[in-house]
N, C-alpha and C. Protein backbone atom coordinates (compact mmCIF):
# COMPACT_ATOMS: atom_id res chain seq x y z
N UNK A 1 26.97 33.14 -2.19
CA UNK A 1 25.57 33.35 -1.87
C UNK A 1 24.71 32.42 -2.73
N UNK A 2 23.78 31.74 -2.11
CA UNK A 2 22.92 30.79 -2.81
C UNK A 2 21.87 31.55 -3.64
N UNK A 3 21.64 31.05 -4.84
CA UNK A 3 20.61 31.64 -5.68
C UNK A 3 19.25 31.09 -5.28
N UNK A 4 18.19 31.70 -5.80
CA UNK A 4 16.84 31.22 -5.53
C UNK A 4 16.69 29.78 -6.01
N UNK A 5 17.26 29.48 -7.16
CA UNK A 5 17.18 28.12 -7.69
C UNK A 5 17.90 27.13 -6.77
N UNK A 6 19.07 27.49 -6.28
CA UNK A 6 19.81 26.61 -5.36
C UNK A 6 19.00 26.35 -4.08
N UNK A 7 18.40 27.39 -3.54
CA UNK A 7 17.59 27.26 -2.34
C UNK A 7 16.39 26.36 -2.61
N UNK A 8 15.76 26.55 -3.77
CA UNK A 8 14.61 25.74 -4.16
C UNK A 8 15.01 24.27 -4.27
N UNK A 9 16.12 24.01 -4.95
CA UNK A 9 16.61 22.63 -5.12
C UNK A 9 16.97 22.00 -3.79
N UNK A 10 17.64 22.76 -2.92
CA UNK A 10 17.98 22.25 -1.59
C UNK A 10 16.73 21.85 -0.81
N UNK A 11 15.70 22.67 -0.90
CA UNK A 11 14.45 22.38 -0.22
C UNK A 11 13.80 21.10 -0.74
N UNK A 12 13.83 20.92 -2.06
CA UNK A 12 13.26 19.71 -2.67
C UNK A 12 14.05 18.49 -2.21
N UNK A 13 15.36 18.58 -2.21
CA UNK A 13 16.19 17.44 -1.81
C UNK A 13 15.97 17.08 -0.34
N UNK A 14 15.84 18.08 0.52
CA UNK A 14 15.61 17.81 1.94
C UNK A 14 14.24 17.18 2.16
N UNK A 15 13.23 17.69 1.46
CA UNK A 15 11.86 17.20 1.64
C UNK A 15 11.68 15.78 1.10
N UNK A 16 12.31 15.48 -0.04
CA UNK A 16 12.11 14.17 -0.67
C UNK A 16 13.11 13.12 -0.22
N UNK A 17 14.28 13.55 0.23
CA UNK A 17 15.34 12.60 0.58
C UNK A 17 16.07 12.07 -0.64
N UNK A 18 15.84 12.69 -1.79
CA UNK A 18 16.49 12.29 -3.05
C UNK A 18 17.26 13.48 -3.62
N UNK A 19 18.34 13.19 -4.34
CA UNK A 19 19.05 14.29 -5.01
C UNK A 19 18.24 14.75 -6.21
N UNK A 20 18.48 15.95 -6.65
CA UNK A 20 17.75 16.49 -7.80
C UNK A 20 18.03 15.65 -9.05
N UNK A 21 19.25 15.11 -9.16
CA UNK A 21 19.57 14.25 -10.30
C UNK A 21 18.79 12.95 -10.26
N UNK A 22 18.60 12.37 -9.05
CA UNK A 22 17.79 11.15 -8.92
C UNK A 22 16.34 11.44 -9.34
N UNK A 23 15.84 12.59 -8.92
CA UNK A 23 14.47 12.97 -9.26
C UNK A 23 14.33 13.14 -10.77
N UNK A 24 15.30 13.79 -11.40
CA UNK A 24 15.25 14.01 -12.85
C UNK A 24 15.29 12.71 -13.63
N UNK A 25 16.06 11.74 -13.15
CA UNK A 25 16.21 10.47 -13.88
C UNK A 25 15.07 9.49 -13.65
N UNK A 26 14.31 9.68 -12.60
CA UNK A 26 13.27 8.72 -12.22
C UNK A 26 11.95 9.07 -12.89
N UNK A 27 11.33 8.11 -13.56
CA UNK A 27 10.01 8.36 -14.17
C UNK A 27 8.99 8.77 -13.09
N UNK A 28 8.04 9.60 -13.48
CA UNK A 28 7.05 10.11 -12.53
C UNK A 28 6.28 9.00 -11.83
N UNK A 29 5.96 7.94 -12.56
CA UNK A 29 5.19 6.86 -11.94
C UNK A 29 5.99 6.19 -10.83
N UNK A 30 7.30 6.06 -11.02
CA UNK A 30 8.16 5.48 -9.98
C UNK A 30 8.25 6.41 -8.77
N UNK A 31 8.35 7.72 -9.01
CA UNK A 31 8.37 8.68 -7.91
C UNK A 31 7.04 8.64 -7.16
N UNK A 32 5.95 8.58 -7.91
CA UNK A 32 4.63 8.51 -7.30
C UNK A 32 4.54 7.30 -6.37
N UNK A 33 4.94 6.14 -6.87
CA UNK A 33 4.89 4.92 -6.05
C UNK A 33 5.75 5.06 -4.79
N UNK A 34 6.95 5.61 -4.95
CA UNK A 34 7.85 5.80 -3.81
C UNK A 34 7.22 6.69 -2.74
N UNK A 35 6.66 7.83 -3.17
CA UNK A 35 6.09 8.77 -2.20
C UNK A 35 4.77 8.28 -1.62
N UNK A 36 4.01 7.49 -2.39
CA UNK A 36 2.79 6.91 -1.82
C UNK A 36 3.15 5.93 -0.70
N UNK A 37 4.16 5.12 -0.93
CA UNK A 37 4.61 4.19 0.12
C UNK A 37 5.15 4.96 1.33
N UNK A 38 5.97 5.98 1.06
CA UNK A 38 6.60 6.75 2.12
C UNK A 38 5.57 7.51 2.97
N UNK A 39 4.58 8.12 2.30
CA UNK A 39 3.62 8.97 3.00
C UNK A 39 2.32 8.26 3.38
N UNK A 40 2.11 7.07 2.82
CA UNK A 40 0.92 6.30 3.16
C UNK A 40 -0.38 6.86 2.61
N UNK A 41 -0.31 7.66 1.56
CA UNK A 41 -1.54 8.17 0.94
C UNK A 41 -1.34 8.33 -0.57
N UNK A 42 -2.46 8.35 -1.28
CA UNK A 42 -2.45 8.43 -2.74
C UNK A 42 -1.97 9.81 -3.20
N UNK A 43 -1.22 9.83 -4.29
CA UNK A 43 -0.68 11.06 -4.83
C UNK A 43 -1.25 11.30 -6.22
N UNK A 44 -1.58 12.54 -6.53
CA UNK A 44 -2.11 12.88 -7.85
C UNK A 44 -1.26 13.99 -8.45
N UNK A 45 -1.05 13.91 -9.76
CA UNK A 45 -0.36 14.97 -10.49
C UNK A 45 -1.41 15.78 -11.21
N UNK A 46 -1.33 17.09 -11.07
CA UNK A 46 -2.31 17.96 -11.69
C UNK A 46 -1.57 19.05 -12.46
N UNK A 47 -2.03 19.30 -13.67
CA UNK A 47 -1.48 20.39 -14.45
C UNK A 47 -2.58 21.42 -14.62
N UNK A 48 -2.37 22.62 -14.14
CA UNK A 48 -3.39 23.65 -14.16
C UNK A 48 -3.23 24.54 -15.39
N UNK A 49 -4.36 25.00 -15.87
CA UNK A 49 -4.38 25.89 -17.02
C UNK A 49 -5.12 27.16 -16.64
N UNK A 50 -4.78 28.28 -17.25
CA UNK A 50 -5.50 29.53 -16.94
C UNK A 50 -6.91 29.51 -17.55
N UNK A 51 -7.80 30.29 -16.95
CA UNK A 51 -9.14 30.44 -17.53
C UNK A 51 -9.03 31.26 -18.81
N UNK A 52 -9.79 30.87 -19.82
CA UNK A 52 -9.78 31.59 -21.09
C UNK A 52 -11.22 31.92 -21.44
N UNK A 53 -11.58 33.18 -21.40
CA UNK A 53 -12.90 33.71 -21.70
C UNK A 53 -14.03 32.87 -21.15
N UNK A 54 -14.69 32.05 -21.94
CA UNK A 54 -15.92 31.37 -21.51
C UNK A 54 -15.70 30.06 -20.80
N UNK A 55 -14.49 29.60 -20.71
CA UNK A 55 -14.26 28.31 -20.07
C UNK A 55 -12.79 28.16 -19.75
N UNK A 56 -12.39 26.94 -19.60
CA UNK A 56 -10.99 26.70 -19.33
C UNK A 56 -10.46 25.66 -20.30
N UNK A 57 -9.17 25.65 -20.46
CA UNK A 57 -8.51 24.65 -21.28
C UNK A 57 -8.32 23.44 -20.39
N UNK A 58 -8.79 22.29 -20.82
CA UNK A 58 -8.72 21.11 -19.98
C UNK A 58 -7.44 20.34 -20.23
N UNK A 59 -6.80 19.92 -19.19
CA UNK A 59 -5.59 19.12 -19.30
C UNK A 59 -5.90 17.69 -18.90
N UNK A 60 -6.55 16.97 -19.78
CA UNK A 60 -7.00 15.63 -19.43
C UNK A 60 -6.08 14.52 -19.95
N UNK A 61 -4.84 14.86 -20.22
CA UNK A 61 -3.92 13.83 -20.71
C UNK A 61 -2.70 13.75 -19.79
N UNK A 62 -2.05 12.62 -19.81
CA UNK A 62 -0.83 12.43 -19.03
C UNK A 62 0.32 13.03 -19.82
N UNK A 63 1.20 13.74 -19.14
CA UNK A 63 2.34 14.32 -19.83
C UNK A 63 3.60 13.54 -19.48
N UNK A 64 4.55 13.59 -20.37
CA UNK A 64 5.77 12.80 -20.21
C UNK A 64 6.73 13.45 -19.21
N UNK A 65 7.69 12.65 -18.77
CA UNK A 65 8.75 13.15 -17.88
C UNK A 65 9.47 14.32 -18.53
N UNK A 66 9.76 14.20 -19.83
CA UNK A 66 10.47 15.26 -20.55
C UNK A 66 9.66 16.55 -20.58
N UNK A 67 8.33 16.44 -20.75
CA UNK A 67 7.49 17.63 -20.75
C UNK A 67 7.47 18.31 -19.39
N UNK A 68 7.43 17.51 -18.34
CA UNK A 68 7.46 18.06 -16.98
C UNK A 68 8.79 18.78 -16.76
N UNK A 69 9.88 18.14 -17.17
CA UNK A 69 11.20 18.77 -17.01
C UNK A 69 11.28 20.08 -17.79
N UNK A 70 10.73 20.10 -19.00
CA UNK A 70 10.74 21.31 -19.82
C UNK A 70 9.94 22.42 -19.15
N UNK A 71 8.74 22.08 -18.65
CA UNK A 71 7.92 23.07 -17.95
C UNK A 71 8.64 23.60 -16.71
N UNK A 72 9.28 22.70 -15.97
CA UNK A 72 10.00 23.09 -14.76
C UNK A 72 11.16 24.02 -15.10
N UNK A 73 11.93 23.68 -16.14
CA UNK A 73 13.05 24.52 -16.55
C UNK A 73 12.56 25.91 -16.98
N UNK A 74 11.43 25.97 -17.68
CA UNK A 74 10.87 27.26 -18.09
C UNK A 74 10.48 28.09 -16.87
N UNK A 75 9.88 27.43 -15.87
CA UNK A 75 9.48 28.13 -14.65
C UNK A 75 10.69 28.69 -13.91
N UNK A 76 11.76 27.87 -13.80
CA UNK A 76 12.97 28.35 -13.13
C UNK A 76 13.62 29.49 -13.89
N UNK A 77 13.61 29.41 -15.21
CA UNK A 77 14.17 30.49 -16.03
C UNK A 77 13.39 31.78 -15.79
N UNK A 78 12.07 31.66 -15.71
CA UNK A 78 11.24 32.84 -15.47
C UNK A 78 11.53 33.46 -14.09
N UNK A 79 11.85 32.62 -13.10
CA UNK A 79 12.17 33.12 -11.76
C UNK A 79 13.45 33.94 -11.76
N UNK A 80 14.37 33.58 -12.63
CA UNK A 80 15.67 34.28 -12.67
C UNK A 80 15.58 35.65 -13.30
N UNK A 81 14.51 35.91 -14.06
CA UNK A 81 14.39 37.20 -14.76
C UNK A 81 13.90 38.29 -13.86
């Protein structure tokens, strides 16, 4: 029986046409360029933050591939609980 993570990964691979390992090894800027060419439109990466009392925490910096992978792994771990 496939786990939620397996189903999620299969969906990503089918939608992108790339294996999950290819996606993990490829820098975000290279993926962005690939998908912009493939889809014919500009792509933006957005990191959302929760509202905190009087305002919000702004995410105005670019994050590294490793940080994205770490956030993604944390999200998948949370799904398994």
